[in-house]
Amino acid sequence: MALYITDECINCDVCEPQCPNGAISMGPEIYVIDPAKCTECVGHFNEPQCQVFCPVECIIPDPEHPEDQAALMEKYRRLTAAAS
């Protein structure tokens, strides 16, 4: 499942550069995650880097975008193929 940044975000700028897929950007008030690009770091790391580095733990699974590991890996393959 893609990840989601809650309104507890303090805009510390730590998560954005950690995302290997470029899924995180500044929204109108807080950072947001593009679910079409979020693979929870599957294919890159063993755990989501945005969650690892977030100092307020405001990044959670997005219930609106459920995906299993196979779907996340397929998304990773599509994203990396498009980048090549």
N, C-alpha and C. Protein backbone atom coordinates (compact mmCIF):
# COMPACT_ATOMS: atom_id res chain seq x y z
N MET A 1 0.84 -1.16 0.00
CA MET A 1 0.00 0.00 0.00
C MET A 1 0.89 1.23 0.00
N ALA A 2 0.46 2.24 -0.68
CA ALA A 2 1.21 3.49 -0.68
C ALA A 2 1.18 4.09 0.72
N LEU A 3 2.05 5.01 0.95
CA LEU A 3 2.11 5.68 2.25
C LEU A 3 1.43 7.04 2.16
N TYR A 4 1.14 7.60 3.32
CA TYR A 4 0.39 8.85 3.43
C TYR A 4 1.01 9.69 4.54
N ILE A 5 1.11 10.99 4.35
CA ILE A 5 1.64 11.89 5.37
C ILE A 5 0.47 12.56 6.06
N THR A 6 0.39 12.41 7.37
CA THR A 6 -0.73 12.98 8.13
C THR A 6 -0.50 14.47 8.40
N ASP A 7 -1.51 15.12 8.92
CA ASP A 7 -1.40 16.55 9.21
C ASP A 7 -0.52 16.85 10.42
N GLU A 8 0.10 15.83 10.98
CA GLU A 8 1.08 16.04 12.05
C GLU A 8 2.45 16.43 11.47
N CYS A 9 2.56 16.44 10.15
CA CYS A 9 3.81 16.81 9.47
C CYS A 9 4.24 18.21 9.91
N ILE A 10 5.54 18.35 10.20
CA ILE A 10 6.09 19.64 10.62
C ILE A 10 6.90 20.31 9.52
N ASN A 11 6.82 19.77 8.29
CA ASN A 11 7.55 20.34 7.14
C ASN A 11 9.04 20.47 7.41
N CYS A 12 9.62 19.44 7.96
CA CYS A 12 11.04 19.49 8.30
C CYS A 12 11.95 19.25 7.10
N ASP A 13 11.39 18.85 5.96
CA ASP A 13 12.14 18.64 4.71
C ASP A 13 13.01 17.38 4.72
N VAL A 14 12.85 16.49 5.68
CA VAL A 14 13.70 15.31 5.77
C VAL A 14 13.25 14.20 4.82
N CYS A 15 11.96 14.02 4.64
CA CYS A 15 11.46 12.89 3.87
C CYS A 15 11.68 13.01 2.37
N GLU A 16 11.48 14.18 1.83
CA GLU A 16 11.52 14.36 0.38
C GLU A 16 12.80 13.83 -0.27
N PRO A 17 13.99 14.20 0.20
CA PRO A 17 15.19 13.70 -0.47
C PRO A 17 15.45 12.20 -0.24
N GLN A 18 14.77 11.61 0.73
CA GLN A 18 14.98 10.19 1.01
C GLN A 18 14.23 9.28 0.05
N CYS A 19 13.22 9.79 -0.64
CA CYS A 19 12.38 8.97 -1.51
C CYS A 19 13.09 8.66 -2.82
N PRO A 20 13.38 7.37 -3.08
CA PRO A 20 14.08 7.02 -4.31
C PRO A 20 13.21 7.15 -5.56
N ASN A 21 11.90 7.26 -5.38
CA ASN A 21 11.00 7.35 -6.53
C ASN A 21 10.52 8.76 -6.82
N GLY A 22 10.92 9.73 -6.01
CA GLY A 22 10.45 11.10 -6.20
C GLY A 22 8.96 11.24 -5.95
N ALA A 23 8.42 10.41 -5.05
CA ALA A 23 6.98 10.42 -4.77
C ALA A 23 6.56 11.50 -3.79
N ILE A 24 7.50 12.10 -3.10
CA ILE A 24 7.17 13.08 -2.06
C ILE A 24 7.43 14.49 -2.58
N SER A 25 6.45 15.36 -2.37
CA SER A 25 6.60 16.76 -2.76
C SER A 25 5.83 17.63 -1.78
N MET A 26 6.09 18.93 -1.85
CA MET A 26 5.40 19.85 -0.97
C MET A 26 3.99 20.06 -1.51
N GLY A 27 3.01 19.88 -0.64
CA GLY A 27 1.62 20.14 -1.00
C GLY A 27 1.24 21.55 -0.61
N PRO A 28 -0.04 21.86 -0.58
CA PRO A 28 -0.48 23.21 -0.22
C PRO A 28 -0.03 23.64 1.18
N GLU A 29 -0.02 22.69 2.12
CA GLU A 29 0.38 23.03 3.49
C GLU A 29 1.45 22.12 4.07
N ILE A 30 1.42 20.84 3.71
CA ILE A 30 2.39 19.86 4.20
C ILE A 30 2.86 19.02 3.02
N TYR A 31 3.86 18.21 3.28
CA TYR A 31 4.34 17.29 2.24
C TYR A 31 3.27 16.26 1.92
N VAL A 32 3.26 15.80 0.68
CA VAL A 32 2.31 14.78 0.23
C VAL A 32 3.07 13.69 -0.52
N ILE A 33 2.45 12.52 -0.57
CA ILE A 33 3.04 11.38 -1.28
C ILE A 33 2.14 11.02 -2.45
N ASP A 34 2.72 10.94 -3.63
CA ASP A 34 1.98 10.53 -4.83
C ASP A 34 1.86 9.01 -4.81
N PRO A 35 0.65 8.47 -4.62
CA PRO A 35 0.50 7.02 -4.52
C PRO A 35 0.89 6.28 -5.80
N ALA A 36 0.87 6.96 -6.92
CA ALA A 36 1.27 6.32 -8.18
C ALA A 36 2.78 6.08 -8.24
N LYS A 37 3.54 6.80 -7.41
CA LYS A 37 4.99 6.65 -7.39
C LYS A 37 5.52 5.96 -6.13
N CYS A 38 4.69 5.83 -5.10
CA CYS A 38 5.15 5.25 -3.84
C CYS A 38 5.15 3.73 -3.91
N THR A 39 6.33 3.14 -3.69
CA THR A 39 6.47 1.69 -3.63
C THR A 39 6.85 1.23 -2.23
N GLU A 40 6.75 2.13 -1.26
CA GLU A 40 7.21 1.86 0.11
C GLU A 40 8.68 1.43 0.09
N CYS A 41 9.40 1.92 -0.90
CA CYS A 41 10.82 1.64 -1.12
C CYS A 41 11.10 0.20 -1.53
N VAL A 42 10.06 -0.57 -1.85
CA VAL A 42 10.26 -1.92 -2.38
C VAL A 42 11.10 -1.80 -3.64
N GLY A 43 12.11 -2.64 -3.75
CA GLY A 43 13.02 -2.59 -4.88
C GLY A 43 14.25 -1.73 -4.62
N HIS A 44 14.18 -0.88 -3.63
CA HIS A 44 15.30 0.01 -3.29
C HIS A 44 15.87 -0.31 -1.91
N PHE A 45 15.00 -0.40 -0.91
CA PHE A 45 15.41 -0.59 0.48
C PHE A 45 14.50 -1.61 1.16
N ASN A 46 14.90 -2.08 2.32
CA ASN A 46 14.10 -3.04 3.07
C ASN A 46 12.95 -2.41 3.83
N GLU A 47 12.98 -1.10 4.01
CA GLU A 47 11.90 -0.40 4.70
C GLU A 47 11.76 1.00 4.12
N PRO A 48 10.58 1.57 4.22
CA PRO A 48 10.35 2.92 3.67
C PRO A 48 11.26 3.96 4.32
N GLN A 49 12.08 4.58 3.53
CA GLN A 49 13.05 5.54 4.05
C GLN A 49 12.41 6.78 4.62
N CYS A 50 11.29 7.20 4.09
CA CYS A 50 10.62 8.38 4.65
C CYS A 50 10.20 8.11 6.09
N GLN A 51 9.70 6.89 6.35
CA GLN A 51 9.32 6.53 7.72
C GLN A 51 10.54 6.44 8.62
N VAL A 52 11.63 5.92 8.11
CA VAL A 52 12.86 5.78 8.90
C VAL A 52 13.35 7.14 9.38
N PHE A 53 13.32 8.13 8.50
CA PHE A 53 13.90 9.44 8.81
C PHE A 53 12.91 10.45 9.40
N CYS A 54 11.62 10.19 9.34
CA CYS A 54 10.63 11.13 9.84
C CYS A 54 10.74 11.28 11.36
N PRO A 55 11.01 12.50 11.85
CA PRO A 55 11.18 12.68 13.30
C PRO A 55 9.87 12.69 14.09
N VAL A 56 8.72 12.84 13.42
CA VAL A 56 7.45 12.88 14.15
C VAL A 56 6.55 11.68 13.84
N GLU A 57 7.04 10.75 13.07
CA GLU A 57 6.31 9.51 12.75
C GLU A 57 4.91 9.79 12.21
N CYS A 58 4.84 10.67 11.22
CA CYS A 58 3.55 11.05 10.65
C CYS A 58 3.30 10.40 9.29
N ILE A 59 4.08 9.40 8.92
CA ILE A 59 3.91 8.73 7.63
C ILE A 59 3.37 7.33 7.89
N ILE A 60 2.16 7.09 7.39
CA ILE A 60 1.45 5.86 7.68
C ILE A 60 0.96 5.20 6.38
N PRO A 61 0.58 3.92 6.45
CA PRO A 61 -0.01 3.29 5.27
C PRO A 61 -1.31 4.01 4.87
N ASP A 62 -1.49 4.17 3.58
CA ASP A 62 -2.66 4.87 3.05
C ASP A 62 -3.78 3.86 2.79
N PRO A 63 -4.83 3.88 3.60
CA PRO A 63 -5.91 2.90 3.42
C PRO A 63 -6.66 3.06 2.09
N GLU A 64 -6.50 4.21 1.44
CA GLU A 64 -7.15 4.44 0.15
C GLU A 64 -6.44 3.73 -1.00
N HIS A 65 -5.18 3.26 -0.75
CA HIS A 65 -4.39 2.64 -1.80
C HIS A 65 -3.75 1.34 -1.32
N PRO A 66 -4.57 0.31 -1.07
CA PRO A 66 -4.00 -0.97 -0.62
C PRO A 66 -3.26 -1.69 -1.74
N GLU A 67 -2.05 -2.15 -1.44
CA GLU A 67 -1.24 -2.90 -2.40
C GLU A 67 -0.43 -3.92 -1.63
N ASP A 68 -0.28 -5.11 -2.19
CA ASP A 68 0.58 -6.11 -1.56
C ASP A 68 1.99 -5.97 -2.10
N GLN A 69 2.89 -6.79 -1.60
CA GLN A 69 4.31 -6.71 -2.00
C GLN A 69 4.48 -6.92 -3.50
N ALA A 70 3.71 -7.83 -4.08
CA ALA A 70 3.82 -8.09 -5.52
C ALA A 70 3.42 -6.86 -6.33
N ALA A 71 2.36 -6.19 -5.91
CA ALA A 71 1.92 -4.97 -6.61
C ALA A 71 2.94 -3.86 -6.47
N LEU A 72 3.53 -3.74 -5.29
CA LEU A 72 4.56 -2.71 -5.08
C LEU A 72 5.79 -3.00 -5.94
N MET A 73 6.17 -4.28 -6.06
CA MET A 73 7.32 -4.65 -6.89
C MET A 73 7.01 -4.37 -8.37
N GLU A 74 5.81 -4.64 -8.80
CA GLU A 74 5.43 -4.35 -10.19
C GLU A 74 5.47 -2.85 -10.45
N LYS A 75 5.01 -2.06 -9.50
CA LYS A 75 5.07 -0.60 -9.64
C LYS A 75 6.53 -0.15 -9.72
N TYR A 76 7.38 -0.72 -8.87
CA TYR A 76 8.81 -0.40 -8.90
C TYR A 76 9.39 -0.69 -10.29
N ARG A 77 9.05 -1.85 -10.83
CA ARG A 77 9.57 -2.23 -12.17
C ARG A 77 9.11 -1.24 -13.24
N ARG A 78 7.85 -0.85 -13.18
CA ARG A 78 7.34 0.13 -14.15
C ARG A 78 8.04 1.48 -14.02
N LEU A 79 8.21 1.92 -12.78
CA LEU A 79 8.85 3.22 -12.55
C LEU A 79 10.31 3.22 -12.99
N THR A 80 11.03 2.15 -12.70
CA THR A 80 12.45 2.12 -13.07
C THR A 80 12.63 1.89 -14.57
N ALA A 81 11.70 1.20 -15.20
CA ALA A 81 11.77 1.02 -16.65
C ALA A 81 11.52 2.35 -17.35
N ALA A 82 10.59 3.14 -16.82
CA ALA A 82 10.29 4.45 -17.40
C ALA A 82 11.45 5.41 -17.23
N ALA A 83 12.24 5.24 -16.18
CA ALA A 83 13.37 6.12 -15.92
C ALA A 83 14.59 5.78 -16.78
N SER A 84 14.58 4.60 -17.36
CA SER A 84 15.74 4.14 -18.16
C SER A 84 15.74 4.72 -19.54
